[in-house]
PDB file of all heavy atoms in Angstrom:
ATOM      1  N   VAL A   1     -86.416 -64.033 126.657  1.00  0.00           N
ATOM      2  CA  VAL A   1     -85.684 -63.179 127.582  1.00  0.00           C
ATOM      3  C   VAL A   1     -85.090 -63.984 128.768  1.00  0.00           C
ATOM      4  O   VAL A   1     -85.715 -64.944 129.191  1.00  0.00           O
ATOM      5  CB  VAL A   1     -86.597 -62.096 128.188  1.00  0.00           C
ATOM      6  CG1 VAL A   1     -85.986 -61.316 129.301  1.00  0.00           C
ATOM      7  CG2 VAL A   1     -87.247 -61.197 127.117  1.00  0.00           C
ATOM      8  N   LYS A   2     -83.878 -63.663 129.192  1.00  0.00           N
ATOM      9  CA  LYS A   2     -83.277 -64.324 130.301  1.00  0.00           C
ATOM     10  C   LYS A   2     -83.396 -63.362 131.542  1.00  0.00           C
ATOM     11  O   LYS A   2     -82.969 -62.197 131.427  1.00  0.00           O
ATOM     12  CB  LYS A   2     -81.804 -64.615 130.017  1.00  0.00           C
ATOM     13  CG  LYS A   2     -81.077 -65.319 131.163  1.00  0.00           C
ATOM     14  CD  LYS A   2     -79.630 -65.579 130.877  1.00  0.00           C
ATOM     15  CE  LYS A   2     -79.450 -66.578 129.743  1.00  0.00           C
ATOM     16  NZ  LYS A   2     -78.045 -66.912 129.561  1.00  0.00           N
ATOM     17  N   ILE A   3     -83.888 -63.835 132.577  1.00  0.00           N
ATOM     18  CA  ILE A   3     -83.959 -63.087 133.836  1.00  0.00           C
ATOM     19  C   ILE A   3     -82.822 -63.591 134.794  1.00  0.00           C
ATOM     20  O   ILE A   3     -82.754 -64.857 135.007  1.00  0.00           O
ATOM     21  CB  ILE A   3     -85.322 -63.277 134.560  1.00  0.00           C
ATOM     22  CG1 ILE A   3     -86.445 -62.854 133.609  1.00  0.00           C
ATOM     23  CG2 ILE A   3     -85.406 -62.411 135.802  1.00  0.00           C
ATOM     24  CD1 ILE A   3     -86.462 -61.434 133.129  1.00  0.00           C
ATOM     25  N   ALA A   4     -82.017 -62.657 135.217  1.00  0.00           N
ATOM     26  CA  ALA A   4     -80.857 -63.093 136.028  1.00  0.00           C
ATOM     27  C   ALA A   4     -80.705 -62.153 137.250  1.00  0.00           C
ATOM     28  O   ALA A   4     -81.203 -60.955 137.214  1.00  0.00           O
ATOM     29  CB  ALA A   4     -79.596 -62.960 135.152  1.00  0.00           C
ATOM     30  N   LYS A   5     -80.098 -62.675 138.287  1.00  0.00           N
ATOM     31  CA  LYS A   5     -80.008 -61.880 139.517  1.00  0.00           C
ATOM     32  C   LYS A   5     -78.593 -61.993 140.065  1.00  0.00           C
ATOM     33  O   LYS A   5     -77.963 -63.036 140.021  1.00  0.00           O
ATOM     34  CB  LYS A   5     -80.940 -62.552 140.639  1.00  0.00           C
ATOM     35  CG  LYS A   5     -82.424 -62.442 140.294  1.00  0.00           C
ATOM     36  CD  LYS A   5     -83.259 -63.214 141.186  1.00  0.00           C
ATOM     37  CE  LYS A   5     -83.243 -62.744 142.664  1.00  0.00           C
ATOM     38  NZ  LYS A   5     -83.965 -61.530 142.881  1.00  0.00           N
ATOM     39  N   VAL A   6     -78.115 -60.869 140.623  1.00  0.00           N
ATOM     40  CA  VAL A   6     -76.811 -60.774 141.280  1.00  0.00           C
ATOM     41  C   VAL A   6     -77.028 -60.354 142.719  1.00  0.00           C
ATOM     42  O   VAL A   6     -77.559 -59.307 142.964  1.00  0.00           O
ATOM     43  CB  VAL A   6     -75.897 -59.746 140.600  1.00  0.00           C
ATOM     44  CG1 VAL A   6     -74.596 -59.602 141.377  1.00  0.00           C
ATOM     45  CG2 VAL A   6     -75.555 -60.182 139.139  1.00  0.00           C
ATOM     46  N   ASN A   7     -76.673 -61.176 143.675  1.00  0.00           N
ATOM     47  CA  ASN A   7     -76.755 -60.859 145.042  1.00  0.00           C
ATOM     48  C   ASN A   7     -75.537 -59.990 145.389  1.00  0.00           C
ATOM     49  O   ASN A   7     -74.356 -60.463 145.347  1.00  0.00           O
ATOM     50  CB  ASN A   7     -76.737 -62.155 145.895  1.00  0.00           C
ATOM     51  CG  ASN A   7     -76.944 -61.837 147.398  1.00  0.00           C
ATOM     52  OD1 ASN A   7     -76.429 -60.885 147.940  1.00  0.00           O
ATOM     53  ND2 ASN A   7     -77.642 -62.703 148.088  1.00  0.00           N
ATOM     54  N   VAL A   8     -75.809 -58.708 145.711  1.00  0.00           N
ATOM     55  CA  VAL A   8     -74.636 -57.756 145.859  1.00  0.00           C
ATOM     56  C   VAL A   8     -73.858 -58.039 147.139  1.00  0.00           C
ATOM     57  O   VAL A   8     -72.661 -57.688 147.154  1.00  0.00           O
ATOM     58  CB  VAL A   8     -75.163 -56.309 145.933  1.00  0.00           C
ATOM     59  CG1 VAL A   8     -75.828 -55.939 144.596  1.00  0.00           C
ATOM     60  CG2 VAL A   8     -76.171 -56.044 147.056  1.00  0.00           C
ATOM     61  N   ASP A   9     -74.430 -58.770 148.083  1.00  0.00           N
ATOM     62  CA  ASP A   9     -73.669 -59.099 149.276  1.00  0.00           C
ATOM     63  C   ASP A   9     -72.636 -60.196 149.022  1.00  0.00           C
ATOM     64  O   ASP A   9     -71.603 -60.329 149.583  1.00  0.00           O
ATOM     65  CB  ASP A   9     -74.624 -59.607 150.412  1.00  0.00           C
ATOM     66  CG  ASP A   9     -75.409 -58.411 150.965  1.00  0.00           C
ATOM     67  OD1 ASP A   9     -74.944 -57.273 150.897  1.00  0.00           O
ATOM     68  OD2 ASP A   9     -76.484 -58.670 151.536  1.00  0.00           O
ATOM     69  N   GLU A  10     -72.946 -61.134 148.061  1.00  0.00           N
ATOM     70  CA  GLU A  10     -72.105 -62.272 147.697  1.00  0.00           C
ATOM     71  C   GLU A  10     -71.164 -61.886 146.540  1.00  0.00           C
ATOM     72  O   GLU A  10     -70.134 -62.465 146.369  1.00  0.00           O
ATOM     73  CB  GLU A  10     -72.944 -63.473 147.340  1.00  0.00           C
ATOM     74  CG  GLU A  10     -73.772 -63.952 148.508  1.00  0.00           C
ATOM     75  CD  GLU A  10     -74.731 -65.052 148.108  1.00  0.00           C
ATOM     76  OE1 GLU A  10     -74.817 -65.400 146.917  1.00  0.00           O
ATOM     77  OE2 GLU A  10     -75.497 -65.463 149.003  1.00  0.00           O
ATOM     78  N   GLU A  11     -71.618 -60.910 145.693  1.00  0.00           N
ATOM     79  CA  GLU A  11     -70.832 -60.577 144.495  1.00  0.00           C
ATOM     80  C   GLU A  11     -70.461 -59.085 144.442  1.00  0.00           C
ATOM     81  O   GLU A  11     -70.868 -58.327 143.574  1.00  0.00           O
ATOM     82  CB  GLU A  11     -71.640 -61.017 143.279  1.00  0.00           C
ATOM     83  CG  GLU A  11     -71.964 -62.447 143.117  1.00  0.00           C
ATOM     84  CD  GLU A  11     -70.672 -63.373 142.975  1.00  0.00           C
ATOM     85  OE1 GLU A  11     -69.708 -62.851 142.424  1.00  0.00           O
ATOM     86  OE2 GLU A  11     -70.775 -64.441 143.484  1.00  0.00           O
ATOM     87  N   GLU A  12     -69.722 -58.718 145.502  1.00  0.00           N
ATOM     88  CA  GLU A  12     -69.352 -57.253 145.650  1.00  0.00           C
ATOM     89  C   GLU A  12     -68.568 -56.762 144.418  1.00  0.00           C
ATOM     90  O   GLU A  12     -68.682 -55.599 144.013  1.00  0.00           O
ATOM     91  CB  GLU A  12     -68.541 -57.030 146.913  1.00  0.00           C
ATOM     92  CG  GLU A  12     -69.340 -57.354 148.173  1.00  0.00           C
ATOM     93  CD  GLU A  12     -68.569 -57.230 149.401  1.00  0.00           C
ATOM     94  OE1 GLU A  12     -67.436 -56.728 149.345  1.00  0.00           O
ATOM     95  OE2 GLU A  12     -69.106 -57.637 150.458  1.00  0.00           O
ATOM     96  N   ALA A  13     -67.707 -57.558 143.819  1.00  0.00           N
ATOM     97  CA  ALA A  13     -66.914 -57.111 142.674  1.00  0.00           C
ATOM     98  C   ALA A  13     -67.786 -56.766 141.453  1.00  0.00           C
ATOM     99  O   ALA A  13     -67.582 -55.776 140.770  1.00  0.00           O
ATOM    100  CB  ALA A  13     -65.870 -58.170 142.273  1.00  0.00           C
ATOM    101  N   LEU A  14     -68.817 -57.627 141.217  1.00  0.00           N
ATOM    102  CA  LEU A  14     -69.752 -57.312 140.079  1.00  0.00           C
ATOM    103  C   LEU A  14     -70.527 -56.080 140.361  1.00  0.00           C
ATOM    104  O   LEU A  14     -70.722 -55.222 139.471  1.00  0.00           O
ATOM    105  CB  LEU A  14     -70.718 -58.534 139.873  1.00  0.00           C
ATOM    106  CG  LEU A  14     -70.232 -59.641 138.985  1.00  0.00           C
ATOM    107  CD1 LEU A  14     -71.281 -60.733 138.942  1.00  0.00           C
ATOM    108  CD2 LEU A  14     -69.969 -59.132 137.576  1.00  0.00           C
ATOM    109  N   ALA A  15     -70.984 -55.913 141.646  1.00  0.00           N
ATOM    110  CA  ALA A  15     -71.725 -54.702 141.974  1.00  0.00           C
ATOM    111  C   ALA A  15     -70.843 -53.512 141.773  1.00  0.00           C
ATOM    112  O   ALA A  15     -71.240 -52.449 141.266  1.00  0.00           O
ATOM    113  CB  ALA A  15     -72.235 -54.791 143.433  1.00  0.00           C
ATOM    114  N   ALA A  16     -69.584 -53.565 142.214  1.00  0.00           N
ATOM    115  CA  ALA A  16     -68.697 -52.433 142.016  1.00  0.00           C
ATOM    116  C   ALA A  16     -68.362 -52.142 140.562  1.00  0.00           C
ATOM    117  O   ALA A  16     -68.249 -51.041 140.138  1.00  0.00           O
ATOM    118  CB  ALA A  16     -67.410 -52.740 142.768  1.00  0.00           C
ATOM    119  N   GLN A  17     -68.244 -53.210 139.825  1.00  0.00           N
ATOM    120  CA  GLN A  17     -67.968 -53.070 138.318  1.00  0.00           C
ATOM    121  C   GLN A  17     -69.030 -52.212 137.653  1.00  0.00           C
ATOM    122  O   GLN A  17     -68.722 -51.418 136.748  1.00  0.00           O
ATOM    123  CB  GLN A  17     -67.911 -54.466 137.704  1.00  0.00           C
ATOM    124  CG  GLN A  17     -67.651 -54.451 136.206  1.00  0.00           C
ATOM    125  CD  GLN A  17     -67.607 -55.894 135.645  1.00  0.00           C
ATOM    126  OE1 GLN A  17     -67.353 -56.869 136.356  1.00  0.00           O
ATOM    127  NE2 GLN A  17     -67.826 -55.971 134.367  1.00  0.00           N
ATOM    128  N   PHE A  18     -70.294 -52.371 138.094  1.00  0.00           N
ATOM    129  CA  PHE A  18     -71.322 -51.588 137.527  1.00  0.00           C
ATOM    130  C   PHE A  18     -71.836 -50.363 138.317  1.00  0.00           C
ATOM    131  O   PHE A  18     -72.816 -49.706 138.035  1.00  0.00           O
ATOM    132  CB  PHE A  18     -72.519 -52.509 137.172  1.00  0.00           C
ATOM    133  CG  PHE A  18     -72.247 -53.474 136.074  1.00  0.00           C
ATOM    134  CD1 PHE A  18     -71.743 -54.728 136.284  1.00  0.00           C
ATOM    135  CD2 PHE A  18     -72.428 -53.041 134.786  1.00  0.00           C
ATOM    136  CE1 PHE A  18     -71.458 -55.578 135.283  1.00  0.00           C
ATOM    137  CE2 PHE A  18     -72.056 -53.861 133.721  1.00  0.00           C
ATOM    138  CZ  PHE A  18     -71.621 -55.137 133.991  1.00  0.00           C
ATOM    139  N   GLY A  19     -71.033 -49.999 139.347  1.00  0.00           N
ATOM    140  CA  GLY A  19     -71.265 -48.837 140.129  1.00  0.00           C
ATOM    141  C   GLY A  19     -72.632 -48.866 140.823  1.00  0.00           C
ATOM    142  O   GLY A  19     -73.289 -47.893 141.047  1.00  0.00           O
ATOM    143  N   ILE A  20     -72.968 -50.074 141.353  1.00  0.00           N
ATOM    144  CA  ILE A  20     -74.320 -50.182 142.015  1.00  0.00           C
ATOM    145  C   ILE A  20     -74.211 -49.536 143.386  1.00  0.00           C
ATOM    146  O   ILE A  20     -73.473 -49.896 144.216  1.00  0.00           O
ATOM    147  CB  ILE A  20     -74.701 -51.688 142.134  1.00  0.00           C
ATOM    148  CG1 ILE A  20     -74.659 -52.378 140.791  1.00  0.00           C
ATOM    149  CG2 ILE A  20     -76.030 -51.822 142.892  1.00  0.00           C
ATOM    150  CD1 ILE A  20     -75.568 -51.809 139.769  1.00  0.00           C
ATOM    151  N   MET A  21     -75.058 -48.513 143.542  1.00  0.00           N
ATOM    152  CA  MET A  21     -75.116 -47.737 144.822  1.00  0.00           C
ATOM    153  C   MET A  21     -76.387 -47.953 145.569  1.00  0.00           C
ATOM    154  O   MET A  21     -76.511 -47.732 146.728  1.00  0.00           O
ATOM    155  CB  MET A  21     -74.908 -46.217 144.542  1.00  0.00           C
ATOM    156  CG  MET A  21     -73.613 -45.937 143.859  1.00  0.00           C
ATOM    157  SD  MET A  21     -72.152 -46.410 144.757  1.00  0.00           S
ATOM    158  CE  MET A  21     -72.067 -45.015 145.937  1.00  0.00           C
ATOM    159  N   SER A  22     -77.485 -48.327 144.791  1.00  0.00           N
ATOM    160  CA  SER A  22     -78.803 -48.579 145.406  1.00  0.00           C
ATOM    161  C   SER A  22     -79.435 -49.809 144.790  1.00  0.00           C
ATOM    162  O   SER A  22     -79.121 -50.110 143.599  1.00  0.00           O
ATOM    163  CB  SER A  22     -79.797 -47.406 145.058  1.00  0.00           C
ATOM    164  OG  SER A  22     -79.330 -46.187 145.565  1.00  0.00           O
ATOM    165  N   ILE A  23     -80.171 -50.511 145.598  1.00  0.00           N
ATOM    166  CA  ILE A  23     -80.833 -51.745 145.102  1.00  0.00           C
ATOM    167  C   ILE A  23     -82.286 -51.662 145.341  1.00  0.00           C
ATOM    168  O   ILE A  23     -82.687 -50.969 146.292  1.00  0.00           O
ATOM    169  CB  ILE A  23     -80.180 -52.986 145.723  1.00  0.00           C
ATOM    170  CG1 ILE A  23     -80.170 -52.989 147.157  1.00  0.00           C
ATOM    171  CG2 ILE A  23     -78.813 -53.256 145.079  1.00  0.00           C
ATOM    172  CD1 ILE A  23     -79.699 -54.251 147.824  1.00  0.00           C
ATOM    173  N   PRO A  24     -83.104 -52.284 144.518  1.00  0.00           N
ATOM    174  CA  PRO A  24     -82.714 -53.017 143.388  1.00  0.00           C
ATOM    175  C   PRO A  24     -82.304 -52.045 142.207  1.00  0.00           C
ATOM    176  O   PRO A  24     -82.865 -51.007 142.082  1.00  0.00           O
ATOM    177  CB  PRO A  24     -83.975 -53.742 142.974  1.00  0.00           C
ATOM    178  CG  PRO A  24     -85.068 -52.919 143.497  1.00  0.00           C
ATOM    179  CD  PRO A  24     -84.577 -52.282 144.731  1.00  0.00           C
ATOM    180  N   THR A  25     -81.288 -52.491 141.492  1.00  0.00           N
ATOM    181  CA  THR A  25     -80.917 -51.875 140.250  1.00  0.00           C
ATOM    182  C   THR A  25     -81.099 -52.922 139.137  1.00  0.00           C
ATOM    183  O   THR A  25     -80.674 -54.022 139.264  1.00  0.00           O
ATOM    184  CB  THR A  25     -79.415 -51.401 140.228  1.00  0.00           C
ATOM    185  OG1 THR A  25     -79.230 -50.308 141.163  1.00  0.00           O
ATOM    186  CG2 THR A  25     -79.008 -50.883 138.842  1.00  0.00           C
ATOM    187  N   LEU A  26     -81.890 -52.507 138.188  1.00  0.00           N
ATOM    188  CA  LEU A  26     -82.208 -53.463 137.033  1.00  0.00           C
ATOM    189  C   LEU A  26     -81.603 -52.967 135.765  1.00  0.00           C
ATOM    190  O   LEU A  26     -81.730 -51.829 135.458  1.00  0.00           O
ATOM    191  CB  LEU A  26     -83.795 -53.522 136.956  1.00  0.00           C
ATOM    192  CG  LEU A  26     -84.470 -53.971 138.239  1.00  0.00           C
ATOM    193  CD1 LEU A  26     -85.688 -53.152 138.575  1.00  0.00           C
ATOM    194  CD2 LEU A  26     -84.804 -55.409 138.202  1.00  0.00           C
ATOM    195  N   MET A  27     -80.940 -53.858 135.112  1.00  0.00           N
ATOM    196  CA  MET A  27     -80.244 -53.492 133.853  1.00  0.00           C
ATOM    197  C   MET A  27     -80.652 -54.467 132.693  1.00  0.00           C
ATOM    198  O   MET A  27     -80.666 -55.648 132.995  1.00  0.00           O
ATOM    199  CB  MET A  27     -78.682 -53.553 134.032  1.00  0.00           C
ATOM    200  CG  MET A  27     -78.214 -52.643 135.152  1.00  0.00           C
ATOM    201  SD  MET A  27     -76.434 -52.825 135.436  1.00  0.00           S
ATOM    202  CE  MET A  27     -75.905 -51.340 134.547  1.00  0.00           C
ATOM    203  N   VAL A  28     -80.895 -53.934 131.562  1.00  0.00           N
ATOM    204  CA  VAL A  28     -81.119 -54.765 130.378  1.00  0.00           C
ATOM    205  C   VAL A  28     -79.862 -54.865 129.570  1.00  0.00           C
ATOM    206  O   VAL A  28     -79.328 -53.808 129.170  1.00  0.00           O
ATOM    207  CB  VAL A  28     -82.290 -54.219 129.576  1.00  0.00           C
ATOM    208  CG1 VAL A  28     -82.481 -55.031 128.311  1.00  0.00           C
ATOM    209  CG2 VAL A  28     -83.569 -54.240 130.403  1.00  0.00           C
ATOM    210  N   PHE A  29     -79.415 -56.028 129.272  1.00  0.00           N
ATOM    211  CA  PHE A  29     -78.243 -56.248 128.404  1.00  0.00           C
ATOM    212  C   PHE A  29     -78.725 -56.911 127.106  1.00  0.00           C
ATOM    213  O   PHE A  29     -79.556 -57.754 127.112  1.00  0.00           O
ATOM    214  CB  PHE A  29     -77.259 -57.241 129.071  1.00  0.00           C
ATOM    215  CG  PHE A  29     -76.481 -56.642 130.163  1.00  0.00           C
ATOM    216  CD1 PHE A  29     -77.021 -56.521 131.504  1.00  0.00           C
ATOM    217  CD2 PHE A  29     -75.193 -56.253 130.002  1.00  0.00           C
ATOM    218  CE1 PHE A  29     -76.392 -56.013 132.573  1.00  0.00           C
ATOM    219  CE2 PHE A  29     -74.423 -55.742 131.084  1.00  0.00           C
ATOM    220  CZ  PHE A  29     -75.005 -55.629 132.355  1.00  0.00           C
ATOM    221  N   GLU A  30     -78.079 -56.542 125.996  1.00  0.00           N
ATOM    222  CA  GLU A  30     -78.199 -57.186 124.702  1.00  0.00           C
ATOM    223  C   GLU A  30     -76.904 -57.106 124.024  1.00  0.00           C
ATOM    224  O   GLU A  30     -76.352 -56.002 123.898  1.00  0.00           O
ATOM    225  CB  GLU A  30     -79.357 -56.619 123.875  1.00  0.00           C
ATOM    226  CG  GLU A  30     -79.714 -57.413 122.650  1.00  0.00           C
ATOM    227  CD  GLU A  30     -80.913 -56.944 121.957  1.00  0.00           C
ATOM    228  OE1 GLU A  30     -81.194 -55.775 121.932  1.00  0.00           O
ATOM    229  OE2 GLU A  30     -81.612 -57.816 121.356  1.00  0.00           O
ATOM    230  N   GLY A  31     -76.418 -58.212 123.471  1.00  0.00           N
ATOM    231  CA  GLY A  31     -75.159 -58.223 122.783  1.00  0.00           C
ATOM    232  C   GLY A  31     -73.995 -57.719 123.649  1.00  0.00           C
ATOM    233  O   GLY A  31     -73.067 -57.158 123.138  1.00  0.00           O
ATOM    234  N   GLY A  32     -74.081 -57.984 124.980  1.00  0.00           N
ATOM    235  CA  GLY A  32     -72.973 -57.612 125.869  1.00  0.00           C
ATOM    236  C   GLY A  32     -73.011 -56.170 126.319  1.00  0.00           C
ATOM    237  O   GLY A  32     -72.083 -55.691 126.994  1.00  0.00           O
ATOM    238  N   LYS A  33     -74.026 -55.379 125.834  1.00  0.00           N
ATOM    239  CA  LYS A  33     -74.072 -53.942 126.176  1.00  0.00           C
ATOM    240  C   LYS A  33     -75.299 -53.672 126.958  1.00  0.00           C
ATOM    241  O   LYS A  33     -76.326 -54.284 126.811  1.00  0.00           O
ATOM    242  CB  LYS A  33     -74.111 -53.149 124.909  1.00  0.00           C
ATOM    243  CG  LYS A  33     -72.830 -53.210 124.056  1.00  0.00           C
ATOM    244  CD  LYS A  33     -72.924 -52.337 122.863  1.00  0.00           C
ATOM    245  CE  LYS A  33     -71.712 -52.281 122.019  1.00  0.00           C
ATOM    246  NZ  LYS A  33     -70.791 -53.346 122.027  1.00  0.00           N
ATOM    247  N   VAL A  34     -75.137 -52.608 127.879  1.00  0.00           N
ATOM    248  CA  VAL A  34     -76.316 -52.223 128.732  1.00  0.00           C
ATOM    249  C   VAL A  34     -77.189 -51.341 127.827  1.00  0.00           C
ATOM    250  O   VAL A  34     -76.788 -50.286 127.257  1.00  0.00           O
ATOM    251  CB  VAL A  34     -75.838 -51.433 129.897  1.00  0.00           C
ATOM    252  CG1 VAL A  34     -77.066 -50.929 130.709  1.00  0.00           C
ATOM    253  CG2 VAL A  34     -74.943 -52.279 130.776  1.00  0.00           C
ATOM    254  N   LEU A  35     -78.493 -51.768 127.683  1.00  0.00           N
ATOM    255  CA  LEU A  35     -79.523 -50.969 126.955  1.00  0.00           C
ATOM    256  C   LEU A  35     -80.300 -50.006 127.797  1.00  0.00           C
ATOM    257  O   LEU A  35     -80.740 -48.999 127.352  1.00  0.00           O
ATOM    258  CB  LEU A  35     -80.452 -51.880 126.159  1.00  0.00           C
ATOM    259  CG  LEU A  35     -79.907 -52.859 125.176  1.00  0.00           C
ATOM    260  CD1 LEU A  35     -81.029 -53.668 124.549  1.00  0.00           C
ATOM    261  CD2 LEU A  35     -79.125 -52.086 124.058  1.00  0.00           C
ATOM    262  N   ASN A  36     -80.582 -50.413 129.064  1.00  0.00           N
ATOM    263  CA  ASN A  36     -81.478 -49.712 129.890  1.00  0.00           C
ATOM    264  C   ASN A  36     -81.138 -49.989 131.355  1.00  0.00           C
ATOM    265  O   ASN A  36     -80.737 -51.127 131.684  1.00  0.00           O
ATOM    266  CB  ASN A  36     -82.861 -50.236 129.589  1.00  0.00           C
ATOM    267  CG  ASN A  36     -83.964 -49.234 129.737  1.00  0.00           C
ATOM    268  OD1 ASN A  36     -83.836 -48.288 130.477  1.00  0.00           O
ATOM    269  ND2 ASN A  36     -85.074 -49.432 129.055  1.00  0.00           N
ATOM    270  N   THR A  37     -81.407 -49.058 132.206  1.00  0.00           N
ATOM    271  CA  THR A  37     -81.148 -49.214 133.626  1.00  0.00           C
ATOM    272  C   THR A  37     -82.239 -48.467 134.410  1.00  0.00           C
ATOM    273  O   THR A  37     -82.684 -47.413 134.020  1.00  0.00           O
ATOM    274  CB  THR A  37     -79.741 -48.533 134.025  1.00  0.00           C
ATOM    275  OG1 THR A  37     -78.731 -49.115 133.251  1.00  0.00           O
ATOM    276  CG2 THR A  37     -79.505 -48.754 135.493  1.00  0.00           C
ATOM    277  N   ALA A  38     -82.664 -49.105 135.496  1.00  0.00           N
ATOM    278  CA  ALA A  38     -83.655 -48.554 136.376  1.00  0.00           C
ATOM    279  C   ALA A  38     -83.260 -48.826 137.836  1.00  0.00           C
ATOM    280  O   ALA A  38     -82.710 -49.913 138.099  1.00  0.00           O
ATOM    281  CB  ALA A  38     -85.038 -49.108 136.107  1.00  0.00           C
ATOM    282  N   ILE A  39     -83.395 -47.821 138.657  1.00  0.00           N
ATOM    283  CA  ILE A  39     -83.053 -48.008 140.071  1.00  0.00           C
ATOM    284  C   ILE A  39     -84.391 -47.962 140.880  1.00  0.00           C
ATOM    285  O   ILE A  39     -85.181 -47.048 140.716  1.00  0.00           O
ATOM    286  CB  ILE A  39     -82.076 -46.974 140.606  1.00  0.00           C
ATOM    287  CG1 ILE A  39     -80.771 -47.074 139.792  1.00  0.00           C
ATOM    288  CG2 ILE A  39     -81.839 -47.063 142.043  1.00  0.00           C
ATOM    289  CD1 ILE A  39     -79.806 -45.964 140.013  1.00  0.00           C
ATOM    290  N   GLY A  40     -84.587 -48.936 141.786  1.00  0.00           N
ATOM    291  CA  GLY A  40     -85.753 -48.957 142.558  1.00  0.00           C
ATOM    292  C   GLY A  40     -86.792 -49.973 142.043  1.00  0.00           C
ATOM    293  O   GLY A  40     -86.605 -50.492 140.921  1.00  0.00           O
ATOM    294  N   ALA A  41     -87.696 -50.323 142.869  1.00  0.00           N
ATOM    295  CA  ALA A  41     -88.691 -51.350 142.506  1.00  0.00           C
ATOM    296  C   ALA A  41     -89.532 -50.888 141.260  1.00  0.00           C
ATOM    297  O   ALA A  41     -89.832 -49.664 141.166  1.00  0.00           O
ATOM    298  CB  ALA A  41     -89.690 -51.567 143.693  1.00  0.00           C
ATOM    299  N   ARG A  42     -89.866 -51.750 140.424  1.00  0.00           N
ATOM    300  CA  ARG A  42     -90.599 -51.532 139.233  1.00  0.00           C
ATOM    301  C   ARG A  42     -91.750 -52.545 139.104  1.00  0.00           C
ATOM    302  O   ARG A  42     -91.576 -53.716 139.484  1.00  0.00           O
ATOM    303  CB  ARG A  42     -89.754 -51.600 137.935  1.00  0.00           C
ATOM    304  CG  ARG A  42     -88.677 -50.498 137.840  1.00  0.00           C
ATOM    305  CD  ARG A  42     -89.265 -49.128 137.622  1.00  0.00           C
ATOM    306  NE  ARG A  42     -88.339 -48.101 137.368  1.00  0.00           N
ATOM    307  CZ  ARG A  42     -87.727 -47.326 138.311  1.00  0.00           C
ATOM    308  NH1 ARG A  42     -88.024 -47.551 139.578  1.00  0.00           N
ATOM    309  NH2 ARG A  42     -86.929 -46.392 137.985  1.00  0.00           N
ATOM    310  N   SER A  43     -92.849 -52.127 138.511  1.00  0.00           N
ATOM    311  CA  SER A  43     -93.937 -53.055 138.243  1.00  0.00           C
ATOM    312  C   SER A  43     -93.586 -53.999 137.074  1.00  0.00           C
ATOM    313  O   SER A  43     -92.661 -53.733 136.340  1.00  0.00           O
ATOM    314  CB  SER A  43     -95.202 -52.282 137.889  1.00  0.00           C
ATOM    315  OG  SER A  43     -95.104 -51.684 136.657  1.00  0.00           O
ATOM    316  N   LYS A  44     -94.363 -55.073 136.928  1.00  0.00           N
ATOM    317  CA  LYS A  44     -94.164 -55.962 135.780  1.00  0.00           C
ATOM    318  C   LYS A  44     -94.298 -55.232 134.490  1.00  0.00           C
ATOM    319  O   LYS A  44     -93.437 -55.460 133.643  1.00  0.00           O
ATOM    320  CB  LYS A  44     -95.192 -57.122 135.882  1.00  0.00           C
ATOM    321  CG  LYS A  44     -95.018 -58.136 134.837  1.00  0.00           C
ATOM    322  CD  LYS A  44     -96.027 -59.247 134.966  1.00  0.00           C
ATOM    323  CE  LYS A  44     -95.998 -60.168 133.751  1.00  0.00           C
ATOM    324  NZ  LYS A  44     -97.098 -61.121 133.822  1.00  0.00           N
ATOM    325  N   ASP A  45     -95.259 -54.394 134.347  1.00  0.00           N
ATOM    326  CA  ASP A  45     -95.399 -53.563 133.113  1.00  0.00           C
ATOM    327  C   ASP A  45     -94.223 -52.708 132.822  1.00  0.00           C
ATOM    328  O   ASP A  45     -93.766 -52.659 131.686  1.00  0.00           O
ATOM    329  CB  ASP A  45     -96.706 -52.781 133.136  1.00  0.00           C
ATOM    330  CG  ASP A  45     -97.967 -53.512 133.002  1.00  0.00           C
ATOM    331  OD1 ASP A  45     -97.866 -54.712 132.567  1.00  0.00           O
ATOM    332  OD2 ASP A  45     -98.973 -53.048 133.333  1.00  0.00           O
ATOM    333  N   GLU A  46     -93.634 -52.081 133.867  1.00  0.00           N
ATOM    334  CA  GLU A  46     -92.449 -51.274 133.699  1.00  0.00           C
ATOM    335  C   GLU A  46     -91.267 -52.112 133.261  1.00  0.00           C
ATOM    336  O   GLU A  46     -90.426 -51.638 132.393  1.00  0.00           O
ATOM    337  CB  GLU A  46     -92.171 -50.475 134.974  1.00  0.00           C
ATOM    338  CG  GLU A  46     -93.199 -49.363 135.218  1.00  0.00           C
ATOM    339  CD  GLU A  46     -93.003 -48.774 136.610  1.00  0.00           C
ATOM    340  OE1 GLU A  46     -92.852 -49.486 137.605  1.00  0.00           O
ATOM    341  OE2 GLU A  46     -92.904 -47.500 136.655  1.00  0.00           O
TER     342      GLU A  46
END
């Protein structure tokens, strides 16, 4: 698994592209597609 981070203050265009309104927003991508999204802090198990 690759873990990646986008700083919304530095990358406003990427945040806008995905409609990020609240942070943290966590998205799982596979094959270039979004599989799953969660808004707000999540535990490691989640």
